[in-house]
Amino acid sequence: MKARWWALALVVVALSGAGWQYWHLHAEQQDDSTLLLNGRIEGDHLLAAAKQPGRVVELTRQEGEAVKKGQVLARLDDRQIRSRVTQAASAWHAAQAQYASAQTALEVLKKSVPLQVETAQAALSHAEAQASAAQAQHDQARREAARLAVLYRKKQISRDALEKAQLAEKTARAQWQVAQAAVIQTQKALNEARLGYERIRSEEAKVNAAHAAMLQAHAALEEAMSVLEDMTIRAPGDGTIVRRLAHVGEVLPAGSVLYEIVDLDALYFQGYIPEKALGRIQLGSIARVKVDALPGQSEEAVLRFMNQQAEFTPKEIQTPDERIKQVFAARFYLKRNPGHHYLPGMPADAEVPLAGGHE
């Protein structure tokens, strides 16, 4: 008799459990005005991950602690990176000095070359004038010597007068030759001065190359500094740490997640709305959300997201008939989370008033 009573009790418990599971795993429309949804409390997870590989040397926060965006959460060993930054900074300073030196040399050439060309041009003009005057004097002395030679042959002048005229012609010719040599020399000087413009173009190329090298050195420094900054892991946003996934001394590859962060003031209830209830629920609808951990308490939540594409009821539903029904994922965002008692992952129920229901 006692054995039969235990068997009956087990059947009752099993049926109760199955009914509880069925009620909690899918939506139940209790009457024409209310839809009861079962789901979970969820939140948008922010991942604090390592952008660079390295060994963890410090973890500053623990699970459950609140953090602000930009707050330091962890540090990786950055000694080699700091050395790289120092070298890059030295290279950049050297490139800056070379660029400044090249600019100075270019400015000197730009000022001196035109002046040198102008001076050489003036010297050439003066030499050409001197040569022209010397040529005129020589021509005159040559004509005078020729005239006196004719007079000497006619015995109209003395030999001394002729020789004096011939000496004057010879002297004038020598002066003309000197003046011609001066013209050639000053022309060469002018040509050399004009080569200064070629030196200016060459120096401009050096300045451009030095500028490019300086920019490249600066880019290398910025890259090294960026890598150094990446060795410090910061909170990507405000929230509460829900998981710490790394340990001091652990060597992490790039992309490894060290912390998961959730904003406990921006949690939402995720549930599934049956297709037949879609016409009576809209964005902005208010639901009352409660969790098993806080009996007798509930919080208002606003429907802010509803999937536009239907999906089959989640596989957790054990009844084959239920698994083939079409539902729509929905998120009801909690208006508040006093004391942060609502946490991601908590099973929860939502009571949603339906439009057009009976009072």
Protein backbone atom coordinates (compact mmCIF):
# COMPACT_ATOMS: atom_id res chain seq x y z
CA MET A 1 0.00 0.00 0.00
CA LYS A 2 2.82 2.38 0.94
CA ALA A 3 4.67 1.52 -2.31
CA ARG A 4 1.58 2.41 -4.34
CA TRP A 5 1.36 5.78 -2.54
CA TRP A 6 5.00 6.62 -3.39
CA ALA A 7 4.43 5.65 -7.02
CA LEU A 8 1.39 7.93 -7.19
CA ALA A 9 3.38 10.77 -5.60
CA LEU A 10 6.15 10.38 -8.15
CA VAL A 11 3.65 10.57 -11.01
CA VAL A 12 2.19 13.77 -9.57
CA VAL A 13 5.65 15.33 -9.17
CA ALA A 14 6.62 14.34 -12.70
CA LEU A 15 3.46 15.80 -14.16
CA SER A 16 3.93 18.98 -12.13
CA GLY A 17 7.53 19.31 -13.29
CA ALA A 18 6.59 18.79 -16.91
CA GLY A 19 3.85 21.37 -16.62
CA TRP A 20 6.22 23.84 -14.94
CA GLN A 21 8.82 23.29 -17.66
CA TYR A 22 6.27 23.74 -20.44
CA TRP A 23 4.92 26.93 -18.81
CA HIS A 24 8.38 28.41 -18.34
CA LEU A 25 9.83 27.55 -21.75
CA HIS A 26 7.26 29.15 -24.01
CA ALA A 27 4.73 31.93 -24.13
CA GLU A 28 1.36 31.33 -22.55
CA GLN A 29 -1.65 33.50 -23.25
CA GLN A 30 -3.49 33.32 -19.93
CA ASP A 31 -6.50 35.25 -21.19
CA ASP A 32 -7.42 37.51 -24.06
CA SER A 33 -5.69 40.58 -22.57
CA THR A 34 -2.32 39.31 -21.33
CA LEU A 35 0.58 37.40 -22.82
CA LEU A 36 3.02 35.66 -20.51
CA LEU A 37 6.52 35.23 -21.91
CA ASN A 38 9.38 33.25 -20.50
CA GLY A 39 12.97 34.16 -21.25
CA ARG A 40 16.13 35.52 -19.71
CA ILE A 41 17.63 38.74 -18.52
CA GLU A 42 20.35 39.74 -20.97
CA GLY A 43 22.70 42.63 -21.56
CA ASP A 44 25.00 43.88 -24.27
CA HIS A 45 28.42 42.46 -23.49
CA LEU A 46 31.46 44.66 -23.96
CA LEU A 47 34.73 42.80 -24.38
CA ALA A 48 37.99 44.20 -23.05
CA ALA A 49 40.49 42.43 -25.29
CA ALA A 50 44.23 42.59 -25.89
CA LYS A 51 45.10 44.17 -29.23
CA GLN A 52 48.70 42.98 -28.93
CA PRO A 53 50.21 39.71 -27.71
CA GLY A 54 51.97 39.80 -24.37
CA ARG A 55 52.30 38.56 -20.82
CA VAL A 56 49.82 39.85 -18.25
CA VAL A 57 51.66 41.72 -15.50
CA GLU A 58 48.72 43.40 -13.76
CA LEU A 59 44.96 42.97 -13.42
CA THR A 60 43.36 45.91 -11.66
CA ARG A 61 39.71 44.84 -11.37
CA GLN A 62 37.72 41.84 -10.21
CA GLU A 63 34.36 40.40 -11.16
CA GLY A 64 31.44 42.41 -9.84
CA GLU A 65 33.30 45.73 -9.82
CA ALA A 66 31.86 48.73 -11.65
CA VAL A 67 34.12 50.41 -14.20
CA LYS A 68 34.02 53.56 -16.31
CA LYS A 69 34.93 53.86 -19.97
CA GLY A 70 38.68 54.27 -20.39
CA GLN A 71 39.51 52.96 -16.92
CA VAL A 72 42.63 50.79 -16.78
CA LEU A 73 41.76 47.13 -16.35
CA ALA A 74 45.04 45.36 -17.07
CA ARG A 75 48.59 45.83 -18.27
CA LEU A 76 50.79 43.64 -20.44
CA ASP A 77 54.58 43.50 -20.24
CA ASP A 78 55.67 46.52 -22.29
CA ARG A 79 59.43 46.70 -21.70
CA GLN A 80 60.39 45.79 -25.26
CA ILE A 81 57.79 48.17 -26.64
CA ARG A 82 59.12 51.04 -24.51
CA SER A 83 62.61 50.39 -25.90
CA ARG A 84 61.15 50.46 -29.38
CA VAL A 85 59.44 53.79 -28.63
CA THR A 86 62.74 55.25 -27.38
CA GLN A 87 64.55 54.17 -30.55
CA ALA A 88 61.76 55.51 -32.75
CA ALA A 89 61.81 58.84 -30.89
CA SER A 90 65.58 59.14 -31.38
CA ALA A 91 65.23 58.37 -35.08
CA TRP A 92 62.50 60.98 -35.39
CA HIS A 93 64.57 63.67 -33.66
CA ALA A 94 67.52 62.86 -35.96
CA ALA A 95 65.26 63.08 -39.01
CA GLN A 96 63.93 66.43 -37.78
CA ALA A 97 67.50 67.75 -37.45
CA GLN A 98 68.40 66.56 -40.96
CA TYR A 99 65.29 68.16 -42.39
CA ALA A 100 66.03 71.46 -40.62
CA SER A 101 69.64 71.38 -41.88
CA ALA A 102 68.51 70.74 -45.45
CA GLN A 103 65.98 73.56 -45.22
CA THR A 104 68.67 75.96 -43.97
CA ALA A 105 71.03 75.01 -46.79
CA LEU A 106 68.24 75.52 -49.31
CA GLU A 107 67.37 78.95 -47.93
CA VAL A 108 71.04 80.00 -48.10
CA LEU A 109 71.25 78.92 -51.73
CA LYS A 110 68.00 80.65 -52.63
CA LYS A 111 69.40 83.91 -51.25
CA SER A 112 73.01 83.61 -52.41
CA VAL A 113 72.62 82.20 -55.92
CA PRO A 114 70.58 85.10 -57.37
CA LEU A 115 73.04 87.56 -55.80
CA GLN A 116 75.99 85.67 -57.25
CA VAL A 117 74.37 85.60 -60.69
CA GLU A 118 73.61 89.30 -60.48
CA THR A 119 77.19 90.11 -59.44
CA ALA A 120 78.66 87.92 -62.19
CA GLN A 121 76.35 89.49 -64.77
CA ALA A 122 77.46 92.97 -63.70
CA ALA A 123 81.13 91.92 -63.87
CA LEU A 124 80.61 90.54 -67.37
CA SER A 125 78.90 93.70 -68.53
CA HIS A 126 81.76 95.78 -67.12
CA ALA A 127 84.37 93.52 -68.76
CA GLU A 128 82.55 93.70 -72.09
CA ALA A 129 82.49 97.51 -71.85
CA GLN A 130 86.19 97.55 -71.02
CA ALA A 131 86.94 95.24 -73.93
CA SER A 132 84.88 97.39 -76.28
CA ALA A 133 86.77 100.52 -75.16
CA ALA A 134 90.13 98.73 -75.46
CA GLN A 135 89.21 97.57 -78.96
CA ALA A 136 88.31 101.11 -79.96
CA GLN A 137 91.60 102.40 -78.59
CA HIS A 138 93.48 99.66 -80.40
CA ASP A 139 91.71 100.42 -83.66
CA GLN A 140 92.55 104.08 -83.32
CA ALA A 141 96.21 103.33 -82.43
CA ARG A 142 96.46 100.91 -85.36
CA ARG A 143 95.10 103.47 -87.83
CA GLU A 144 97.42 106.14 -86.44
CA ALA A 145 100.45 103.86 -86.74
CA ALA A 146 99.49 103.04 -90.34
CA ARG A 147 99.08 106.72 -91.22
CA LEU A 148 102.44 107.64 -89.72
CA ALA A 149 104.08 104.73 -91.55
CA VAL A 150 102.93 106.27 -94.84
CA LEU A 151 104.26 109.67 -93.81
CA TYR A 152 107.55 108.10 -92.72
CA ARG A 153 107.99 106.50 -96.14
CA LYS A 154 107.46 109.94 -97.63
CA LYS A 155 110.06 111.19 -95.22
CA GLN A 156 107.56 113.61 -93.76
CA ILE A 157 108.05 112.43 -90.13
CA SER A 158 110.95 111.11 -88.13
CA ARG A 159 111.53 107.46 -87.34
CA ASP A 160 111.15 108.28 -83.66
CA ALA A 161 107.58 109.47 -84.26
CA LEU A 162 106.77 106.30 -86.18
CA GLU A 163 108.17 104.02 -83.49
CA LYS A 164 106.25 105.92 -80.86
CA ALA A 165 103.00 105.33 -82.78
CA GLN A 166 103.82 101.66 -83.31
CA LEU A 167 104.50 101.25 -79.58
CA ALA A 168 101.17 102.86 -78.78
CA GLU A 169 99.42 100.42 -81.15
CA LYS A 170 101.19 97.47 -79.57
CA THR A 171 100.27 98.64 -76.10
CA ALA A 172 96.62 99.17 -77.11
CA ARG A 173 96.50 95.69 -78.66
CA ALA A 174 97.84 94.15 -75.43
CA GLN A 175 95.25 96.03 -73.38
CA TRP A 176 92.53 94.84 -75.73
CA GLN A 177 93.69 91.23 -75.36
CA VAL A 178 93.67 91.59 -71.58
CA ALA A 179 90.14 92.99 -71.76
CA GLN A 180 89.06 90.09 -73.99
CA ALA A 181 90.52 87.61 -71.50
CA ALA A 182 88.58 89.39 -68.74
CA VAL A 183 85.36 88.95 -70.74
CA ILE A 184 86.03 85.23 -71.11
CA GLN A 185 86.79 84.90 -67.40
CA THR A 186 83.72 86.80 -66.27
CA GLN A 187 81.55 84.79 -68.67
CA LYS A 188 82.82 81.60 -67.04
CA ALA A 189 82.07 83.09 -63.63
CA LEU A 190 78.52 83.90 -64.76
CA ASN A 191 78.03 80.37 -66.08
CA GLU A 192 79.22 78.94 -62.78
CA ALA A 193 76.94 81.28 -60.85
CA ARG A 194 73.99 80.11 -62.95
CA LEU A 195 74.81 76.54 -62.00
CA GLY A 196 73.65 77.59 -58.55
CA TYR A 197 70.07 77.13 -59.77
CA GLU A 198 70.88 73.50 -60.42
CA ARG A 199 72.22 73.28 -56.88
CA ILE A 200 68.96 74.82 -55.65
CA ARG A 201 66.94 72.13 -57.43
CA SER A 202 69.24 69.46 -56.05
CA GLU A 203 68.90 70.88 -52.55
CA GLU A 204 65.11 71.02 -52.96
CA ALA A 205 65.17 67.31 -53.75
CA LYS A 206 67.24 66.74 -50.60
CA VAL A 207 64.74 68.75 -48.56
CA ASN A 208 61.85 66.70 -49.96
CA ALA A 209 63.68 63.46 -49.20
CA ALA A 210 64.51 64.66 -45.68
CA HIS A 211 60.88 65.66 -45.16
CA ALA A 212 59.67 62.25 -46.33
CA ALA A 213 62.17 60.55 -44.02
CA MET A 214 60.98 62.71 -41.14
CA LEU A 215 57.34 61.82 -41.82
CA GLN A 216 58.26 58.15 -42.02
CA ALA A 217 60.14 58.37 -38.73
CA HIS A 218 57.19 60.13 -37.12
CA ALA A 219 54.81 57.45 -38.41
CA ALA A 220 57.08 54.77 -36.95
CA LEU A 221 57.08 56.62 -33.62
CA GLU A 222 53.29 56.95 -33.63
CA GLU A 223 52.94 53.25 -34.44
CA ALA A 224 55.29 52.31 -31.59
CA MET A 225 53.40 54.61 -29.21
CA SER A 226 50.09 53.11 -30.36
CA VAL A 227 51.40 49.62 -29.64
CA LEU A 228 52.60 50.84 -26.24
CA GLU A 229 49.14 52.23 -25.53
CA ASP A 230 47.63 48.90 -26.58
CA MET A 231 49.64 47.17 -23.87
CA THR A 232 47.31 48.87 -21.39
CA ILE A 233 43.82 47.36 -21.58
CA ARG A 234 41.04 49.82 -20.80
CA ALA A 235 37.31 49.48 -20.28
CA PRO A 236 35.50 49.91 -23.62
CA GLY A 237 32.48 51.39 -21.84
CA ASP A 238 30.70 51.90 -18.54
CA GLY A 239 29.41 48.81 -16.82
CA THR A 240 30.07 46.01 -14.37
CA ILE A 241 32.61 43.24 -14.83
CA VAL A 242 30.75 39.95 -15.14
CA ARG A 243 33.71 37.74 -16.09
CA ARG A 244 37.47 37.90 -15.74
CA LEU A 245 39.13 35.56 -18.20
CA ALA A 246 42.86 36.13 -17.64
CA HIS A 247 45.43 35.67 -14.90
CA VAL A 248 48.63 37.50 -14.02
CA GLY A 249 51.60 35.81 -15.69
CA GLU A 250 49.52 34.37 -18.50
CA VAL A 251 50.85 34.93 -22.04
CA LEU A 252 48.02 36.02 -24.31
CA PRO A 253 47.80 36.13 -28.10
CA ALA A 254 46.38 39.21 -29.78
CA GLY A 255 42.60 39.36 -29.56
CA SER A 256 42.34 37.52 -26.25
CA VAL A 257 39.46 38.70 -24.07
CA LEU A 258 40.46 39.61 -20.51
CA TYR A 259 37.13 40.91 -19.21
CA GLU A 260 33.46 40.84 -20.10
CA ILE A 261 31.55 43.95 -19.08
CA VAL A 262 27.81 44.54 -18.99
CA ASP A 263 25.98 47.77 -18.21
CA LEU A 264 23.59 46.63 -15.48
CA ASP A 265 21.54 49.78 -16.03
CA ALA A 266 20.80 48.77 -19.63
CA LEU A 267 19.58 45.18 -19.25
CA TYR A 268 16.70 43.72 -21.19
CA PHE A 269 14.36 40.76 -21.05
CA GLN A 270 14.71 38.53 -24.11
CA GLY A 271 11.68 36.45 -25.00
CA TYR A 272 9.76 35.13 -28.00
CA ILE A 273 6.40 36.45 -29.14
CA PRO A 274 4.04 33.98 -30.84
CA GLU A 275 3.00 34.85 -34.36
CA LYS A 276 -0.66 35.08 -33.42
CA ALA A 277 0.06 37.85 -30.88
CA LEU A 278 2.03 40.12 -33.23
CA GLY A 279 -0.91 42.30 -34.18
CA ARG A 280 -1.59 43.18 -30.56
CA ILE A 281 1.96 44.13 -29.53
CA GLN A 282 3.99 47.06 -30.82
CA LEU A 283 7.27 48.81 -30.07
CA GLY A 284 6.89 50.85 -26.91
CA SER A 285 4.64 48.28 -25.24
CA ILE A 286 5.18 48.01 -21.50
CA ALA A 287 5.71 44.68 -19.75
CA ARG A 288 6.15 43.66 -16.12
CA VAL A 289 9.28 41.55 -15.70
CA LYS A 290 10.03 39.36 -12.70
CA VAL A 291 12.72 36.84 -11.82
CA ASP A 292 12.51 33.79 -9.59
CA ALA A 293 15.30 35.14 -7.39
CA LEU A 294 13.12 38.11 -6.35
CA PRO A 295 9.66 36.73 -5.58
CA GLY A 296 6.94 39.32 -5.28
CA GLN A 297 8.94 41.97 -7.14
CA SER A 298 8.70 43.11 -10.73
CA GLU A 299 10.01 45.92 -12.90
CA GLU A 300 8.62 47.70 -15.92
CA ALA A 301 10.29 47.10 -19.27
CA VAL A 302 9.77 48.72 -22.67
CA LEU A 303 9.67 46.80 -25.96
CA ARG A 304 12.36 48.42 -28.09
CA PHE A 305 13.31 45.60 -30.44
CA MET A 306 11.31 42.94 -32.25
CA ASN A 307 12.83 40.74 -34.93
CA GLN A 308 11.26 41.23 -38.35
CA GLN A 309 11.89 37.62 -39.34
CA ALA A 310 10.21 34.68 -37.72
CA GLU A 311 12.10 31.71 -36.34
CA PHE A 312 11.12 28.39 -34.91
CA THR A 313 10.53 28.09 -31.21
CA PRO A 314 13.90 27.49 -29.47
CA LYS A 315 15.00 23.87 -29.26
CA GLU A 316 14.63 23.87 -25.48
CA ILE A 317 10.90 23.33 -26.04
CA GLN A 318 10.46 19.58 -25.76
CA THR A 319 7.06 19.28 -27.41
CA PRO A 320 7.41 18.63 -31.18
CA ASP A 321 4.24 20.60 -31.88
CA GLU A 322 5.67 23.65 -30.11
CA ARG A 323 9.04 23.44 -31.91
CA ILE A 324 7.44 23.95 -35.32
CA LYS A 325 5.62 27.14 -34.31
CA GLN A 326 6.86 30.47 -35.60
CA VAL A 327 7.91 33.08 -33.03
CA PHE A 328 9.62 36.47 -33.08
CA ALA A 329 12.51 37.39 -30.78
CA ALA A 330 11.80 40.50 -28.72
CA ARG A 331 13.70 42.62 -26.22
CA PHE A 332 12.02 44.50 -23.40
CA TYR A 333 14.49 46.96 -21.84
CA LEU A 334 14.19 47.40 -18.09
CA LYS A 335 13.38 50.95 -17.05
CA ARG A 336 15.48 50.53 -13.93
CA ASN A 337 17.49 47.95 -12.03
CA PRO A 338 17.45 48.99 -8.37
CA GLY A 339 20.37 47.59 -6.44
CA HIS A 340 21.50 45.84 -9.63
CA HIS A 341 19.63 42.75 -8.44
CA TYR A 342 18.71 41.81 -12.00
CA LEU A 343 21.69 40.09 -13.60
CA PRO A 344 22.41 38.71 -17.08
CA GLY A 345 21.47 35.06 -17.44
CA MET A 346 18.67 35.07 -14.87
CA PRO A 347 15.54 33.18 -15.98
CA ALA A 348 12.67 35.65 -16.06
CA ASP A 349 8.99 36.03 -16.91
CA ALA A 350 7.33 38.98 -18.62
CA GLU A 351 3.65 39.83 -18.48
CA VAL A 352 2.65 41.80 -21.58
CA PRO A 353 -0.75 43.51 -21.91
CA LEU A 354 -2.27 42.89 -25.34
CA ALA A 355 -4.04 45.58 -27.30
CA GLY A 356 -7.73 45.03 -27.94
CA GLY A 357 -8.16 42.65 -24.99
CA HIS A 358 -11.12 42.48 -22.63
CA GLU A 359 -10.89 44.33 -19.36
